PDB file of N, CA and C in Angstrom:
ATOM      1  N   UNK A   1       6.721   3.888  34.326  1.00  0.00           N
ATOM      2  CA  UNK A   1       6.340   4.639  33.379  1.00  0.00           C
ATOM      3  C   UNK A   1       7.538   4.403  32.491  1.00  0.00           C
ATOM      4  N   UNK A   2       8.201   4.480  32.853  1.00  0.00           N
ATOM      5  CA  UNK A   2       9.587   4.414  32.157  1.00  0.00           C
ATOM      6  C   UNK A   2       9.349   3.521  30.460  1.00  0.00           C
ATOM      7  N   UNK A   3       8.271   2.002  31.453  1.00  0.00           N
ATOM      8  CA  UNK A   3       8.729   1.024  30.093  1.00  0.00           C
ATOM      9  C   UNK A   3       7.673   0.764  29.289  1.00  0.00           C
ATOM     10  N   UNK A   4       6.647   2.066  29.865  1.00  0.00           N
ATOM     11  CA  UNK A   4       5.377   1.986  28.712  1.00  0.00           C
ATOM     12  C   UNK A   4       6.411   2.989  27.874  1.00  0.00           C
ATOM     13  N   UNK A   5       6.956   4.032  27.588  1.00  0.00           N
ATOM     14  CA  UNK A   5       7.575   4.519  26.953  1.00  0.00           C
ATOM     15  C   UNK A   5       8.627   3.709  26.169  1.00  0.00           C
ATOM     16  N   UNK A   6       9.131   3.285  26.745  1.00  0.00           N
ATOM     17  CA  UNK A   6      10.532   2.955  25.740  1.00  0.00           C
ATOM     18  C   UNK A   6       9.631   1.515  24.554  1.00  0.00           C
ATOM     19  N   UNK A   7       8.422   1.089  24.906  1.00  0.00           N
ATOM     20  CA  UNK A   7       7.647  -0.061  24.056  1.00  0.00           C
ATOM     21  C   UNK A   7       8.216   0.312  22.375  1.00  0.00           C
ATOM     22  N   UNK A   8       7.448   1.627  22.362  1.00  0.00           N
ATOM     23  CA  UNK A   8       7.822   2.601  20.716  1.00  0.00           C
ATOM     24  C   UNK A   8       8.748   3.416  20.491  1.00  0.00           C
ATOM     25  N   UNK A   9       9.712   3.444  20.758  1.00  0.00           N
ATOM     26  CA  UNK A   9      10.034   4.888  20.544  1.00  0.00           C
ATOM     27  C   UNK A   9      10.258   5.294  19.107  1.00  0.00           C
ATOM     28  N   UNK A  10       9.756   5.049  17.695  1.00  0.00           N
ATOM     29  CA  UNK A  10       9.656   5.597  17.098  1.00  0.00           C
ATOM     30  C   UNK A  10       8.645   6.014  16.529  1.00  0.00           C
ATOM     31  N   UNK A  11       7.488   6.409  17.320  1.00  0.00           N
ATOM     32  CA  UNK A  11       6.561   5.749  16.876  1.00  0.00           C
ATOM     33  C   UNK A  11       5.599   7.764  16.790  1.00  0.00           C
ATOM     34  N   UNK A  12       6.523   8.058  17.486  1.00  0.00           N
ATOM     35  CA  UNK A  12       6.654   9.890  16.843  1.00  0.00           C
ATOM     36  C   UNK A  12       6.798  10.281  15.991  1.00  0.00           C
ATOM     37  N   UNK A  13       7.995   9.519  15.379  1.00  0.00           N
ATOM     38  CA  UNK A  13       8.119   9.850  14.014  1.00  0.00           C
ATOM     39  C   UNK A  13       6.938  10.492  12.796  1.00  0.00           C
ATOM     40  N   UNK A  14       6.274  11.338  12.769  1.00  0.00           N
ATOM     41  CA  UNK A  14       5.295  10.528  11.387  1.00  0.00           C
ATOM     42  C   UNK A  14       5.312  11.422  10.641  1.00  0.00           C
ATOM     43  N   UNK A  15       6.294  12.375  10.778  1.00  0.00           N
ATOM     44  CA  UNK A  15       6.573  13.539   9.251  1.00  0.00           C
ATOM     45  C   UNK A  15       7.627  12.514   7.840  1.00  0.00           C
ATOM     46  N   UNK A  16       8.250  11.404   8.462  1.00  0.00           N
ATOM     47  CA  UNK A  16       8.650  10.149   7.713  1.00  0.00           C
ATOM     48  C   UNK A  16       8.005   9.545   7.454  1.00  0.00           C
ATOM     49  N   UNK A  17       6.754   8.910   8.164  1.00  0.00           N
ATOM     50  CA  UNK A  17       5.928   8.183   7.973  1.00  0.00           C
ATOM     51  C   UNK A  17       4.748   8.299   6.634  1.00  0.00           C
ATOM     52  N   UNK A  18       4.423   9.661   6.543  1.00  0.00           N
ATOM     53  CA  UNK A  18       3.869  10.141   5.888  1.00  0.00           C
ATOM     54  C   UNK A  18       4.130  10.409   4.405  1.00  0.00           C
ATOM     55  N   UNK A  19       6.239  10.970   4.417  1.00  0.00           N
ATOM     56  CA  UNK A  19       6.438  10.942   3.500  1.00  0.00           C
ATOM     57  C   UNK A  19       6.597   9.318   2.382  1.00  0.00           C
ATOM     58  N   UNK A  20       6.743   8.441   3.219  1.00  0.00           N
ATOM     59  CA  UNK A  20       6.803   7.224   2.953  1.00  0.00           C
ATOM     60  C   UNK A  20       5.611   6.188   1.933  1.00  0.00           C
ATOM     61  N   UNK A  21       4.300   6.980   3.110  1.00  0.00           N
ATOM     62  CA  UNK A  21       2.775   6.702   2.559  1.00  0.00           C
ATOM     63  C   UNK A  21       2.457   7.272   1.123  1.00  0.00           C
ATOM     64  N   UNK A  22       2.990   8.624   0.691  1.00  0.00           N
ATOM     65  CA  UNK A  22       2.722   9.276  -0.219  1.00  0.00           C
ATOM     66  C   UNK A  22       3.425   8.687  -1.477  1.00  0.00           C
ATOM     67  N   UNK A  23       4.839   8.349  -1.165  1.00  0.00           N
ATOM     68  CA  UNK A  23       4.824   7.492  -2.296  1.00  0.00           C
ATOM     69  C   UNK A  23       4.617   6.179  -2.450  1.00  0.00           C
ATOM     70  N   UNK A  24       4.291   5.508  -2.095  1.00  0.00           N
ATOM     71  CA  UNK A  24       3.476   4.081  -2.109  1.00  0.00           C
ATOM     72  C   UNK A  24       2.132   4.317  -2.704  1.00  0.00           C
ATOM     73  N   UNK A  25       1.536   5.457  -3.283  1.00  0.00           N
ATOM     74  CA  UNK A  25       0.082   5.799  -3.743  1.00  0.00           C
ATOM     75  C   UNK A  25       0.427   5.653  -4.912  1.00  0.00           C
ATOM     76  N   UNK A  26      -0.613   4.675  -5.693  1.00  0.00           N
ATOM     77  CA  UNK A  26      -0.509   4.794  -7.378  1.00  0.00           C
ATOM     78  C   UNK A  26      -1.389   5.497  -7.832  1.00  0.00           C
ATOM     79  N   UNK A  27      -1.172   6.044  -9.124  1.00  0.00           N
ATOM     80  CA  UNK A  27      -1.558   6.766 -10.214  1.00  0.00           C
ATOM     81  C   UNK A  27      -2.817   6.272 -10.694  1.00  0.00           C
ATOM     82  N   UNK A  28      -3.547   7.226 -11.642  1.00  0.00           N
ATOM     83  CA  UNK A  28      -4.079   6.968 -11.555  1.00  0.00           C
ATOM     84  C   UNK A  28      -4.083   5.646 -13.541  1.00  0.00           C
ATOM     85  N   UNK A  29      -3.186   6.372 -13.973  1.00  0.00           N
ATOM     86  CA  UNK A  29      -2.250   5.733 -14.894  1.00  0.00           C
ATOM     87  C   UNK A  29      -1.864   4.000 -14.295  1.00  0.00           C
ATOM     88  N   UNK A  30      -1.456   4.056 -12.971  1.00  0.00           N
ATOM     89  CA  UNK A  30      -1.243   2.433 -12.444  1.00  0.00           C
ATOM     90  C   UNK A  30      -2.369   1.636 -12.054  1.00  0.00           C
ATOM     91  N   UNK A  31      -3.392   2.524 -11.571  1.00  0.00           N
ATOM     92  CA  UNK A  31      -4.337   1.702 -11.524  1.00  0.00           C
ATOM     93  C   UNK A  31      -4.859   0.708 -12.883  1.00  0.00           C
ATOM     94  N   UNK A  32      -4.845   1.888 -13.727  1.00  0.00           N
ATOM     95  CA  UNK A  32      -5.692   0.895 -15.322  1.00  0.00           C
ATOM     96  C   UNK A  32      -4.552   0.525 -15.518  1.00  0.00           C
ATOM     97  N   UNK A  33      -3.482   0.083 -15.576  1.00  0.00           N
ATOM     98  CA  UNK A  33      -2.266  -0.399 -15.823  1.00  0.00           C
ATOM     99  C   UNK A  33      -2.701  -1.970 -15.910  1.00  0.00           C
ATOM    100  N   UNK A  34      -2.743  -2.141 -14.234  1.00  0.00           N
ATOM    101  CA  UNK A  34      -3.460  -3.070 -13.172  1.00  0.00           C
ATOM    102  C   UNK A  34      -4.479  -3.431 -13.596  1.00  0.00           C
ATOM    103  N   UNK A  35      -5.329  -2.852 -14.154  1.00  0.00           N
ATOM    104  CA  UNK A  35      -6.915  -3.562 -14.198  1.00  0.00           C
ATOM    105  C   UNK A  35      -6.303  -4.023 -15.855  1.00  0.00           C
ATOM    106  N   UNK A  36      -6.077  -3.718 -16.576  1.00  0.00           N
ATOM    107  CA  UNK A  36      -5.742  -3.940 -17.827  1.00  0.00           C
ATOM    108  C   UNK A  36      -4.978  -5.194 -17.772  1.00  0.00           C
ATOM    109  N   UNK A  37      -3.731  -5.147 -16.925  1.00  0.00           N
ATOM    110  CA  UNK A  37      -3.278  -6.721 -17.095  1.00  0.00           C
ATOM    111  C   UNK A  37      -3.980  -7.527 -16.224  1.00  0.00           C
ATOM    112  N   UNK A  38      -4.694  -7.445 -15.157  1.00  0.00           N
ATOM    113  CA  UNK A  38      -5.273  -8.100 -14.845  1.00  0.00           C
ATOM    114  C   UNK A  38      -6.573  -8.921 -15.977  1.00  0.00           C
ATOM    115  N   UNK A  39      -7.434  -8.073 -16.467  1.00  0.00           N
ATOM    116  CA  UNK A  39      -8.118  -8.858 -17.606  1.00  0.00           C
ATOM    117  C   UNK A  39      -7.670  -9.384 -19.055  1.00  0.00           C
ATOM    118  N   UNK A  40      -6.680  -9.319 -18.953  1.00  0.00           N
ATOM    119  CA  UNK A  40      -6.032  -9.878 -20.035  1.00  0.00           C
ATOM    120  C   UNK A  40      -5.924 -10.910 -19.804  1.00  0.00           C
ATOM    121  N   UNK A  41      -5.092 -11.514 -18.307  1.00  0.00           N
ATOM    122  CA  UNK A  41      -4.996 -12.627 -17.882  1.00  0.00           C
ATOM    123  C   UNK A  41      -5.690 -13.628 -16.787  1.00  0.00           C
ATOM    124  N   UNK A  42      -7.223 -12.754 -16.886  1.00  0.00           N
ATOM    125  CA  UNK A  42      -8.656 -13.706 -17.015  1.00  0.00           C
ATOM    126  C   UNK A  42      -9.373 -14.879 -17.167  1.00  0.00           C
ATOM    127  N   UNK A  43      -9.359 -15.498 -16.981  1.00  0.00           N
ATOM    128  CA  UNK A  43     -10.128 -17.002 -17.561  1.00  0.00           C
ATOM    129  C   UNK A  43     -11.468 -16.343 -17.458  1.00  0.00           C
ATOM    130  N   UNK A  44     -12.308 -16.083 -18.457  1.00  0.00           N
ATOM    131  CA  UNK A  44     -14.051 -15.385 -19.206  1.00  0.00           C
ATOM    132  C   UNK A  44     -14.754 -16.621 -17.726  1.00  0.00           C
ATOM    133  N   UNK A  45     -14.593 -17.898 -18.034  1.00  0.00           N
ATOM    134  CA  UNK A  45     -15.441 -19.106 -17.508  1.00  0.00           C
ATOM    135  C   UNK A  45     -14.956 -19.434 -15.929  1.00  0.00           C
ATOM    136  N   UNK A  46     -14.106 -18.665 -15.617  1.00  0.00           N
ATOM    137  CA  UNK A  46     -13.808 -18.985 -14.259  1.00  0.00           C
ATOM    138  C   UNK A  46     -12.717 -17.753 -13.880  1.00  0.00           C
ATOM    139  N   UNK A  47     -13.558 -16.839 -13.475  1.00  0.00           N
ATOM    140  CA  UNK A  47     -13.046 -15.671 -13.220  1.00  0.00           C
ATOM    141  C   UNK A  47     -12.061 -15.378 -11.512  1.00  0.00           C
ATOM    142  N   UNK A  48     -12.419 -16.023 -11.019  1.00  0.00           N
ATOM    143  CA  UNK A  48     -12.265 -15.980  -9.271  1.00  0.00           C
ATOM    144  C   UNK A  48     -10.893 -16.632  -9.676  1.00  0.00           C
ATOM    145  N   UNK A  49     -10.601 -17.905  -9.603  1.00  0.00           N
ATOM    146  CA  UNK A  49      -8.925 -18.408 -10.181  1.00  0.00           C
ATOM    147  C   UNK A  49      -7.809 -17.381 -10.467  1.00  0.00           C
TER     148      UNK A  49
END
C-alpha cells in the first residue's frame, strides 16, 4: 500500500489550497467590469462570435 500513499503526497494540504481558491474569486465590481467590456466588444448582429 506504500505505492498508493505516494501517488498524491500533496493532497492533504487543504488549508493552502483553500487560501489560493479564495484569492481567485471575483468580486461584484470585477464581474460587472468584465460584463460591460464584453458587451462593448460584442457584435449585435452576430453575438455568438
